[in-house]
Amino acid sequence: MPGGKSRSRSKAADEASALHDQAGIIPKMGRRGKFITFEGLDGTGKSTQMHKLATVLRTAGHKVVETREPGGTATGEKIRRVLLDSSTEGLAPLAEMALMFASRAQHIAEVIEPALEHGQIVLCDRFTDSTEAYQGWGRKLGSAVVLELHRLLCGELQPDLTILLESDPARSVGRARRRNRRAGGSVHKSAEKRPDENRFEQQTRAFFARVHEGYRAIAAREPQRVVAVDARGTPGQTQQKIVGVMHKKLKL
């Protein structure tokens, strides 16, 4: 019957139209988020700048996850206490590196990957570059073992952009030491002291010189991903530089 054929054609057209509409929607729904990391010596202002960038992104309408390493999960925060507490000074360099990656693997599985899959922007205070700089260069374990562990345990996940905050090493470390001393002496409402996170700040000037050199080597090796930002100005001046880098690199 002509009417039946007409209805069939109409139904087919509707189905084709629906598929066309879905084809336009699916890429948007499945768009992967962006992963931005902040690196540098303690005392360069990483946490401050990460929070400032999160505010800029949220104001622009983006969904943002702020996290940190070591830590970022309940398990990771327990590992963080072991790694950063000055009472664990005798921790072997290989054990230290293994714990960093244990925290990171859980962090990726529980926080980072799910957020990226949902199209969110993940801002992370430290990632594998820190392990390469601190354990690979600072502890003299070498970059090769760090990069191999990253390949095996992290699925080769790499940030879309890494902001390397650069400042004078002696000044940055001195600032971090003063901050941690103040934190250690402050008291929560529960009358408990803040966690002792002084372990790395107790290292020698030569150690931090190697870490600084390691960061520069990473930036030279991966210039498309790692952008060094001079953090010696005011926090506001540094923020403007970071926002400019983000717009240029990621078009956000």
Protein backbone atom coordinates (compact mmCIF):
# COMPACT_ATOMS: atom_id res chain seq x y z
CA MET A 1 0.00 0.00 0.00
CA PRO A 2 1.29 3.48 -0.83
CA GLY A 3 0.38 4.69 2.65
CA GLY A 4 2.41 1.89 4.22
CA LYS A 5 5.43 2.72 2.09
CA SER A 6 5.08 6.39 2.96
CA ARG A 7 4.99 5.59 6.66
CA SER A 8 8.02 3.33 6.24
CA ARG A 9 9.94 6.08 4.49
CA SER A 10 8.90 8.56 7.18
CA LYS A 11 10.02 6.18 9.93
CA ALA A 12 13.34 5.61 8.19
CA ALA A 13 13.85 9.34 7.81
CA ASP A 14 13.12 9.87 11.50
CA GLU A 15 15.59 7.15 12.46
CA ALA A 16 18.25 8.63 10.16
CA SER A 17 17.64 12.07 11.66
CA ALA A 18 17.93 10.66 15.19
CA LEU A 19 21.21 8.93 14.33
CA HIS A 20 22.54 12.16 12.84
CA ASP A 21 21.64 14.04 16.01
CA GLN A 22 23.27 11.38 18.19
CA ALA A 23 26.41 11.51 16.06
CA GLY A 24 26.67 15.19 16.91
CA ILE A 25 26.07 14.60 20.62
CA ILE A 26 28.32 11.60 21.23
CA PRO A 27 31.65 13.39 20.61
CA LYS A 28 30.67 16.07 23.13
CA MET A 29 29.57 13.52 25.70
CA GLY A 30 32.72 11.47 25.22
CA ARG A 31 35.18 14.36 25.20
CA ARG A 32 38.10 13.60 27.50
CA GLY A 33 39.09 16.13 30.12
CA LYS A 34 42.46 17.84 30.49
CA PHE A 35 45.19 16.92 32.94
CA ILE A 36 47.35 19.82 34.20
CA THR A 37 50.16 19.32 36.71
CA PHE A 38 52.19 21.77 38.78
CA GLU A 39 55.85 21.01 39.44
CA GLY A 40 58.84 22.62 41.11
CA LEU A 41 60.70 22.73 44.40
CA ASP A 42 58.68 23.15 47.57
CA GLY A 43 58.20 26.82 48.36
CA THR A 44 57.67 27.96 44.75
CA GLY A 45 53.93 28.47 45.29
CA LYS A 46 52.54 25.41 43.52
CA SER A 47 49.52 24.95 45.76
CA THR A 48 48.65 28.64 45.69
CA GLN A 49 48.85 28.84 41.91
CA MET A 50 46.88 25.64 41.45
CA HIS A 51 44.02 27.02 43.55
CA LYS A 52 44.11 30.30 41.62
CA LEU A 53 43.92 28.50 38.28
CA ALA A 54 41.04 26.35 39.55
CA THR A 55 39.12 29.54 40.37
CA VAL A 56 39.74 30.93 36.87
CA LEU A 57 38.58 27.70 35.24
CA ARG A 58 35.47 27.34 37.39
CA THR A 59 34.52 30.94 36.67
CA ALA A 60 34.72 30.06 32.97
CA GLY A 61 32.27 27.20 33.54
CA HIS A 62 34.63 24.22 33.67
CA LYS A 63 34.34 21.35 36.14
CA VAL A 64 37.62 21.10 38.02
CA VAL A 65 39.19 18.52 40.32
CA GLU A 66 42.06 19.69 42.56
CA THR A 67 44.32 17.01 43.96
CA ARG A 68 47.90 16.35 45.05
CA GLU A 69 50.73 13.82 45.22
CA PRO A 70 51.70 11.94 47.18
CA GLY A 71 48.13 11.64 48.39
CA GLY A 72 44.86 12.39 46.66
CA THR A 73 43.08 9.33 48.05
CA ALA A 74 42.58 7.87 51.53
CA THR A 75 45.30 5.30 50.82
CA GLY A 76 47.57 7.89 49.24
CA GLU A 77 47.31 10.22 52.22
CA LYS A 78 48.46 7.41 54.52
CA ILE A 79 51.44 6.82 52.24
CA ARG A 80 52.10 10.58 52.23
CA ARG A 81 52.46 10.59 56.00
CA VAL A 82 55.10 7.88 55.78
CA LEU A 83 57.00 9.60 52.96
CA LEU A 84 57.06 13.14 54.35
CA ASP A 85 57.35 12.57 58.11
CA SER A 86 60.85 13.40 59.30
CA SER A 87 60.82 10.31 61.57
CA THR A 88 61.17 8.10 58.44
CA GLU A 89 64.49 9.67 57.44
CA GLY A 90 66.06 6.21 57.13
CA LEU A 91 63.70 5.13 54.33
CA ALA A 92 65.74 3.60 51.49
CA PRO A 93 65.64 5.53 48.17
CA LEU A 94 64.15 2.55 46.29
CA ALA A 95 61.49 2.06 48.97
CA GLU A 96 60.74 5.79 48.79
CA MET A 97 60.27 5.61 45.02
CA ALA A 98 58.11 2.47 45.29
CA LEU A 99 55.82 4.20 47.78
CA MET A 100 55.50 7.22 45.49
CA PHE A 101 54.30 4.99 42.68
CA ALA A 102 51.99 3.00 44.95
CA SER A 103 50.24 6.24 45.90
CA ARG A 104 50.19 7.35 42.25
CA ALA A 105 48.71 4.13 40.88
CA GLN A 106 45.82 4.35 43.36
CA HIS A 107 45.41 8.05 42.62
CA ILE A 108 45.11 7.44 38.88
CA ALA A 109 42.60 4.61 39.28
CA GLU A 110 40.44 6.29 41.92
CA VAL A 111 40.57 10.00 41.06
CA ILE A 112 42.42 11.10 37.93
CA GLU A 113 41.16 8.70 35.25
CA PRO A 114 37.48 8.80 36.32
CA ALA A 115 37.53 12.60 36.28
CA LEU A 116 39.19 12.74 32.84
CA GLU A 117 36.70 10.24 31.45
CA HIS A 118 33.88 12.51 32.63
CA GLY A 119 35.38 15.47 30.79
CA GLN A 120 36.65 17.29 33.86
CA ILE A 121 39.87 19.27 34.21
CA VAL A 122 42.24 17.71 36.73
CA LEU A 123 44.76 19.99 38.44
CA CYS A 124 47.42 18.07 40.35
CA ASP A 125 50.15 19.33 42.67
CA ARG A 126 53.01 17.02 41.54
CA PHE A 127 53.05 13.88 39.39
CA THR A 128 55.73 11.60 37.92
CA ASP A 129 58.03 14.52 37.06
CA SER A 130 58.48 15.00 40.82
CA THR A 131 59.59 11.39 41.20
CA GLU A 132 62.06 11.75 38.37
CA ALA A 133 63.45 14.99 39.80
CA TYR A 134 63.53 14.00 43.48
CA GLN A 135 64.25 10.27 43.34
CA GLY A 136 65.80 9.98 39.89
CA TRP A 137 68.07 13.02 40.20
CA GLY A 138 68.04 13.96 43.88
CA ARG A 139 68.49 10.38 45.14
CA LYS A 140 70.62 9.47 42.09
CA LEU A 141 68.42 6.52 41.06
CA GLY A 142 68.38 7.73 37.45
CA SER A 143 65.56 8.69 35.10
CA ALA A 144 65.32 5.35 33.31
CA VAL A 145 63.94 3.39 36.29
CA VAL A 146 61.38 6.13 37.04
CA LEU A 147 60.13 6.25 33.46
CA GLU A 148 59.92 2.44 33.28
CA LEU A 149 57.88 2.27 36.49
CA HIS A 150 55.62 4.98 35.12
CA ARG A 151 55.09 2.92 31.97
CA LEU A 152 54.30 -0.23 33.96
CA LEU A 153 52.18 1.25 36.77
CA CYS A 154 50.59 4.37 35.29
CA GLY A 155 49.61 3.20 31.81
CA GLU A 156 51.84 5.92 30.36
CA LEU A 157 49.33 8.58 31.44
CA GLN A 158 50.90 11.97 30.79
CA PRO A 159 49.67 15.46 31.65
CA ASP A 160 48.37 17.59 28.79
CA LEU A 161 50.29 20.48 30.34
CA THR A 162 52.87 20.75 33.11
CA ILE A 163 53.58 24.11 34.73
CA LEU A 164 57.12 24.12 36.15
CA LEU A 165 57.40 26.94 38.66
CA GLU A 166 60.96 28.18 38.80
CA SER A 167 62.54 30.21 41.56
CA ASP A 168 65.87 30.45 43.34
CA PRO A 169 66.36 27.00 44.95
CA ALA A 170 67.81 28.32 48.23
CA ARG A 171 64.99 30.83 48.60
CA SER A 172 62.28 28.27 47.76
CA VAL A 173 63.59 25.64 50.16
CA GLY A 174 64.02 28.23 52.93
CA ARG A 175 60.42 29.31 52.44
CA ALA A 176 59.22 25.69 52.58
CA ARG A 177 61.17 25.05 55.78
CA ARG A 178 59.66 28.10 57.47
CA ARG A 179 56.17 27.10 56.34
CA ASN A 180 56.53 23.58 57.68
CA ARG A 181 57.91 24.79 61.01
CA ARG A 182 54.90 27.09 61.41
CA ALA A 183 52.53 24.25 60.43
CA GLY A 184 54.18 21.87 62.87
CA GLY A 185 53.72 24.34 65.70
CA SER A 186 50.09 25.17 64.92
CA VAL A 187 47.22 23.33 66.53
CA HIS A 188 43.93 22.05 65.12
CA LYS A 189 40.65 22.46 66.98
CA SER A 190 41.15 18.88 68.11
CA ALA A 191 44.35 20.06 69.86
CA GLU A 192 46.42 17.82 67.59
CA LYS A 193 49.47 19.15 65.77
CA ARG A 194 49.49 19.27 61.98
CA PRO A 195 51.35 16.43 60.23
CA ASP A 196 55.14 16.66 60.21
CA GLU A 197 56.09 17.09 56.52
CA ASN A 198 59.68 18.22 56.97
CA ARG A 199 61.51 15.14 55.72
CA PHE A 200 62.57 16.41 52.30
CA GLU A 201 63.29 19.93 53.50
CA GLN A 202 66.02 18.44 55.73
CA GLN A 203 68.06 17.39 52.69
CA THR A 204 71.30 19.13 51.71
CA ARG A 205 71.76 22.04 49.35
CA ALA A 206 73.47 19.66 46.91
CA PHE A 207 70.35 17.44 46.91
CA PHE A 208 68.10 20.35 45.92
CA ALA A 209 70.59 21.49 43.29
CA ARG A 210 70.30 18.04 41.68
CA VAL A 211 66.48 18.16 41.88
CA HIS A 212 66.49 21.58 40.22
CA GLU A 213 68.80 20.28 37.50
CA GLY A 214 66.49 17.30 37.02
CA TYR A 215 63.48 19.54 36.46
CA ARG A 216 65.38 21.55 33.88
CA ALA A 217 66.38 18.35 32.08
CA ILE A 218 62.74 17.21 31.94
CA ALA A 219 61.64 20.58 30.55
CA ALA A 220 64.35 20.44 27.89
CA ARG A 221 63.36 16.88 26.93
CA GLU A 222 59.61 17.59 26.71
CA PRO A 223 59.16 21.24 25.68
CA GLN A 224 55.69 20.64 24.21
CA ARG A 225 54.33 19.50 27.58
CA VAL A 226 56.46 21.25 30.20
CA VAL A 227 56.47 25.05 30.39
CA ALA A 228 58.78 26.78 32.86
CA VAL A 229 57.21 29.82 34.52
CA ASP A 230 59.27 32.35 36.47
CA ALA A 231 57.66 32.43 39.94
CA ARG A 232 59.89 35.12 41.45
CA GLY A 233 57.28 37.86 41.04
CA THR A 234 54.10 38.40 43.03
CA PRO A 235 51.49 35.60 43.13
CA GLY A 236 49.28 37.75 40.88
CA GLN A 237 52.03 38.19 38.28
CA THR A 238 52.76 34.46 38.30
CA GLN A 239 49.06 33.69 37.90
CA GLN A 240 48.82 35.89 34.81
CA LYS A 241 51.73 34.02 33.23
CA ILE A 242 50.14 30.63 33.99
CA VAL A 243 46.73 31.62 32.59
CA GLY A 244 48.47 32.86 29.44
CA VAL A 245 50.33 29.56 29.04
CA MET A 246 47.12 27.58 29.56
CA HIS A 247 45.20 29.55 26.92
CA LYS A 248 48.05 29.20 24.44
CA LYS A 249 48.67 25.49 24.98
CA LEU A 250 45.19 24.11 25.66
CA LYS A 251 42.85 26.76 24.24
CA LEU A 252 40.73 26.65 27.41
